Amino acid sequence: MKKSRDTVTIEDVAALAGVSRFTVGRIVGGYGSVSEKSGPITPTIP
C-alpha cells in the first residue's frame, strides 16, 4: 500500500485483511455470500 495517496483501494483492504479483492467487493457492495473462513470483517462507517 502506498503511503503517499489519500485513498484506499479494494486491493489495499484485501491485502491487509488477507482475503481476495472479490471478497472485499462482496462485503462493501453488500451482495453475494462470504464464507466464515474469510474472517470477521465488519464494515465500520464513521
PDB file of N, CA and C in Angstrom:
ATOM      1  N   MET A   1       0.854  -1.178   0.000  1.00  0.00           N
ATOM      2  CA  MET A   1       0.000   0.000   0.000  1.00  0.00           C
ATOM      3  C   MET A   1       0.894   1.233   0.000  1.00  0.00           C
ATOM      4  N   LYS A   2       0.650   2.118  -0.924  1.00  0.00           N
ATOM      5  CA  LYS A   2       1.426   3.347  -1.000  1.00  0.00           C
ATOM      6  C   LYS A   2       0.950   4.318   0.064  1.00  0.00           C
ATOM      7  N   LYS A   3       1.877   4.917   0.774  1.00  0.00           N
ATOM      8  CA  LYS A   3       1.538   5.837   1.856  1.00  0.00           C
ATOM      9  C   LYS A   3       1.267   7.254   1.372  1.00  0.00           C
ATOM     10  N   SER A   4       1.617   7.576   0.125  1.00  0.00           N
ATOM     11  CA  SER A   4       1.524   8.955  -0.346  1.00  0.00           C
ATOM     12  C   SER A   4       0.143   9.347  -0.877  1.00  0.00           C
ATOM     13  N   ARG A   5      -0.739   8.404  -1.060  1.00  0.00           N
ATOM     14  CA  ARG A   5      -2.049   8.774  -1.608  1.00  0.00           C
ATOM     15  C   ARG A   5      -3.087   8.892  -0.492  1.00  0.00           C
ATOM     16  N   ASP A   6      -4.183   9.570  -0.800  1.00  0.00           N
ATOM     17  CA  ASP A   6      -5.214   9.841   0.194  1.00  0.00           C
ATOM     18  C   ASP A   6      -6.382   8.862   0.133  1.00  0.00           C
ATOM     19  N   THR A   7      -6.340   7.905  -0.781  1.00  0.00           N
ATOM     20  CA  THR A   7      -7.446   6.970  -0.923  1.00  0.00           C
ATOM     21  C   THR A   7      -6.994   5.549  -0.598  1.00  0.00           C
ATOM     22  N   VAL A   8      -7.941   4.726  -0.267  1.00  0.00           N
ATOM     23  CA  VAL A   8      -7.680   3.313  -0.002  1.00  0.00           C
ATOM     24  C   VAL A   8      -8.455   2.525  -1.042  1.00  0.00           C
ATOM     25  N   THR A   9      -7.803   1.568  -1.676  1.00  0.00           N
ATOM     26  CA  THR A   9      -8.450   0.776  -2.703  1.00  0.00           C
ATOM     27  C   THR A   9      -8.928  -0.562  -2.144  1.00  0.00           C
ATOM     28  N   ILE A  10      -9.775  -1.226  -2.896  1.00  0.00           N
ATOM     29  CA  ILE A  10     -10.212  -2.565  -2.515  1.00  0.00           C
ATOM     30  C   ILE A  10      -8.997  -3.488  -2.429  1.00  0.00           C
ATOM     31  N   GLU A  11      -8.033  -3.291  -3.311  1.00  0.00           N
ATOM     32  CA  GLU A  11      -6.822  -4.106  -3.283  1.00  0.00           C
ATOM     33  C   GLU A  11      -6.051  -3.887  -1.987  1.00  0.00           C
ATOM     34  N   ASP A  12      -6.005  -2.646  -1.481  1.00  0.00           N
ATOM     35  CA  ASP A  12      -5.333  -2.348  -0.212  1.00  0.00           C
ATOM     36  C   ASP A  12      -6.001  -3.093   0.944  1.00  0.00           C
ATOM     37  N   VAL A  13      -7.329  -3.016   0.993  1.00  0.00           N
ATOM     38  CA  VAL A  13      -8.087  -3.660   2.069  1.00  0.00           C
ATOM     39  C   VAL A  13      -7.899  -5.171   2.002  1.00  0.00           C
ATOM     40  N   ALA A  14      -7.993  -5.728   0.803  1.00  0.00           N
ATOM     41  CA  ALA A  14      -7.836  -7.176   0.635  1.00  0.00           C
ATOM     42  C   ALA A  14      -6.461  -7.643   1.095  1.00  0.00           C
ATOM     43  N   ALA A  15      -5.435  -6.903   0.729  1.00  0.00           N
ATOM     44  CA  ALA A  15      -4.073  -7.281   1.122  1.00  0.00           C
ATOM     45  C   ALA A  15      -3.910  -7.242   2.639  1.00  0.00           C
ATOM     46  N   LEU A  16      -4.436  -6.211   3.269  1.00  0.00           N
ATOM     47  CA  LEU A  16      -4.316  -6.097   4.724  1.00  0.00           C
ATOM     48  C   LEU A  16      -5.143  -7.152   5.456  1.00  0.00           C
ATOM     49  N   ALA A  17      -6.303  -7.514   4.888  1.00  0.00           N
ATOM     50  CA  ALA A  17      -7.186  -8.495   5.521  1.00  0.00           C
ATOM     51  C   ALA A  17      -6.804  -9.929   5.182  1.00  0.00           C
ATOM     52  N   GLY A  18      -5.982 -10.099   4.156  1.00  0.00           N
ATOM     53  CA  GLY A  18      -5.592 -11.447   3.752  1.00  0.00           C
ATOM     54  C   GLY A  18      -6.700 -12.193   3.021  1.00  0.00           C
ATOM     55  N   VAL A  19      -7.542 -11.451   2.316  1.00  0.00           N
ATOM     56  CA  VAL A  19      -8.618 -12.043   1.527  1.00  0.00           C
ATOM     57  C   VAL A  19      -8.516 -11.520   0.103  1.00  0.00           C
ATOM     58  N   SER A  20      -9.349 -12.063  -0.773  1.00  0.00           N
ATOM     59  CA  SER A  20      -9.307 -11.611  -2.164  1.00  0.00           C
ATOM     60  C   SER A  20     -10.037 -10.281  -2.323  1.00  0.00           C
ATOM     61  N   ARG A  21      -9.730  -9.591  -3.411  1.00  0.00           N
ATOM     62  CA  ARG A  21     -10.427  -8.333  -3.688  1.00  0.00           C
ATOM     63  C   ARG A  21     -11.889  -8.592  -3.981  1.00  0.00           C
ATOM     64  N   PHE A  22     -12.207  -9.800  -4.454  1.00  0.00           N
ATOM     65  CA  PHE A  22     -13.604 -10.148  -4.724  1.00  0.00           C
ATOM     66  C   PHE A  22     -14.387 -10.283  -3.414  1.00  0.00           C
ATOM     67  N   THR A  23     -13.738 -10.822  -2.385  1.00  0.00           N
ATOM     68  CA  THR A  23     -14.379 -10.922  -1.071  1.00  0.00           C
ATOM     69  C   THR A  23     -14.664  -9.535  -0.519  1.00  0.00           C
ATOM     70  N   VAL A  24     -13.700  -8.641  -0.620  1.00  0.00           N
ATOM     71  CA  VAL A  24     -13.897  -7.270  -0.146  1.00  0.00           C
ATOM     72  C   VAL A  24     -15.009  -6.601  -0.934  1.00  0.00           C
ATOM     73  N   GLY A  25     -15.037  -6.804  -2.239  1.00  0.00           N
ATOM     74  CA  GLY A  25     -16.076  -6.227  -3.077  1.00  0.00           C
ATOM     75  C   GLY A  25     -17.464  -6.694  -2.674  1.00  0.00           C
ATOM     76  N   ARG A  26     -17.599  -7.983  -2.344  1.00  0.00           N
ATOM     77  CA  ARG A  26     -18.904  -8.503  -1.909  1.00  0.00           C
ATOM     78  C   ARG A  26     -19.321  -7.890  -0.585  1.00  0.00           C
ATOM     79  N   ILE A  27     -18.384  -7.689   0.316  1.00  0.00           N
ATOM     80  CA  ILE A  27     -18.709  -7.104   1.615  1.00  0.00           C
ATOM     81  C   ILE A  27     -19.091  -5.638   1.454  1.00  0.00           C
ATOM     82  N   VAL A  28     -18.278  -4.892   0.734  1.00  0.00           N
ATOM     83  CA  VAL A  28     -18.536  -3.465   0.543  1.00  0.00           C
ATOM     84  C   VAL A  28     -19.826  -3.251  -0.254  1.00  0.00           C
ATOM     85  N   GLY A  29     -20.039  -4.088  -1.269  1.00  0.00           N
ATOM     86  CA  GLY A  29     -21.224  -3.947  -2.103  1.00  0.00           C
ATOM     87  C   GLY A  29     -22.483  -4.514  -1.479  1.00  0.00           C
ATOM     88  N   GLY A  30     -22.310  -5.336  -0.439  1.00  0.00           N
ATOM     89  CA  GLY A  30     -23.463  -5.913   0.236  1.00  0.00           C
ATOM     90  C   GLY A  30     -24.203  -6.950  -0.579  1.00  0.00           C
ATOM     91  N   TYR A  31     -23.495  -7.697  -1.430  1.00  0.00           N
ATOM     92  CA  TYR A  31     -24.140  -8.715  -2.235  1.00  0.00           C
ATOM     93  C   TYR A  31     -23.354 -10.008  -2.167  1.00  0.00           C
ATOM     94  N   GLY A  32     -24.000 -11.102  -2.539  1.00  0.00           N
ATOM     95  CA  GLY A  32     -23.340 -12.395  -2.519  1.00  0.00           C
ATOM     96  C   GLY A  32     -23.133 -12.885  -1.106  1.00  0.00           C
ATOM     97  N   SER A  33     -22.429 -13.978  -0.990  1.00  0.00           N
ATOM     98  CA  SER A  33     -22.157 -14.526   0.332  1.00  0.00           C
ATOM     99  C   SER A  33     -20.655 -14.519   0.578  1.00  0.00           C
ATOM    100  N   VAL A  34     -20.304 -14.497   1.850  1.00  0.00           N
ATOM    101  CA  VAL A  34     -18.902 -14.511   2.248  1.00  0.00           C
ATOM    102  C   VAL A  34     -18.735 -15.618   3.266  1.00  0.00           C
ATOM    103  N   SER A  35     -17.781 -16.482   3.041  1.00  0.00           N
ATOM    104  CA  SER A  35     -17.522 -17.597   3.937  1.00  0.00           C
ATOM    105  C   SER A  35     -16.973 -17.116   5.272  1.00  0.00           C
ATOM    106  N   GLU A  36     -17.317 -17.833   6.339  1.00  0.00           N
ATOM    107  CA  GLU A  36     -16.756 -17.539   7.659  1.00  0.00           C
ATOM    108  C   GLU A  36     -15.234 -17.715   7.654  1.00  0.00           C
ATOM    109  N   LYS A  37     -14.714 -18.498   6.715  1.00  0.00           N
ATOM    110  CA  LYS A  37     -13.268 -18.698   6.600  1.00  0.00           C
ATOM    111  C   LYS A  37     -12.551 -17.404   6.229  1.00  0.00           C
ATOM    112  N   SER A  38     -13.299 -16.449   5.691  1.00  0.00           N
ATOM    113  CA  SER A  38     -12.715 -15.151   5.320  1.00  0.00           C
ATOM    114  C   SER A  38     -12.358 -14.342   6.545  1.00  0.00           C
ATOM    115  N   GLY A  39     -12.935 -14.690   7.675  1.00  0.00           N
ATOM    116  CA  GLY A  39     -12.636 -13.983   8.914  1.00  0.00           C
ATOM    117  C   GLY A  39     -13.672 -12.940   9.228  1.00  0.00           C
ATOM    118  N   PRO A  40     -13.583 -12.391  10.428  1.00  0.00           N
ATOM    119  CA  PRO A  40     -14.561 -11.395  10.861  1.00  0.00           C
ATOM    120  C   PRO A  40     -14.275 -10.026  10.257  1.00  0.00           C
ATOM    121  N   ILE A  41     -14.922  -9.731   9.160  1.00  0.00           N
ATOM    122  CA  ILE A  41     -14.743  -8.435   8.516  1.00  0.00           C
ATOM    123  C   ILE A  41     -16.051  -7.685   8.675  1.00  0.00           C
ATOM    124  N   THR A  42     -16.036  -6.662   9.517  1.00  0.00           N
ATOM    125  CA  THR A  42     -17.234  -5.881   9.781  1.00  0.00           C
ATOM    126  C   THR A  42     -17.016  -4.464   9.291  1.00  0.00           C
ATOM    127  N   PRO A  43     -17.787  -4.034   8.308  1.00  0.00           N
ATOM    128  CA  PRO A  43     -17.610  -2.665   7.834  1.00  0.00           C
ATOM    129  C   PRO A  43     -18.029  -1.653   8.907  1.00  0.00           C
ATOM    130  N   THR A  44     -17.194  -0.676   9.104  1.00  0.00           N
ATOM    131  CA  THR A  44     -17.481   0.383  10.064  1.00  0.00           C
ATOM    132  C   THR A  44     -17.426   1.709   9.338  1.00  0.00           C
ATOM    133  N   ILE A  45     -18.524   2.423   9.372  1.00  0.00           N
ATOM    134  CA  ILE A  45     -18.564   3.737   8.725  1.00  0.00           C
ATOM    135  C   ILE A  45     -18.635   4.786   9.808  1.00  0.00           C
ATOM    136  N   PRO A  46     -17.610   5.632   9.911  1.00  0.00           N
ATOM    137  CA  PRO A  46     -17.585   6.633  10.981  1.00  0.00           C
ATOM    138  C   PRO A  46     -18.643   7.714  10.796  1.00  0.00           C
TER     139      PRO A  46
END
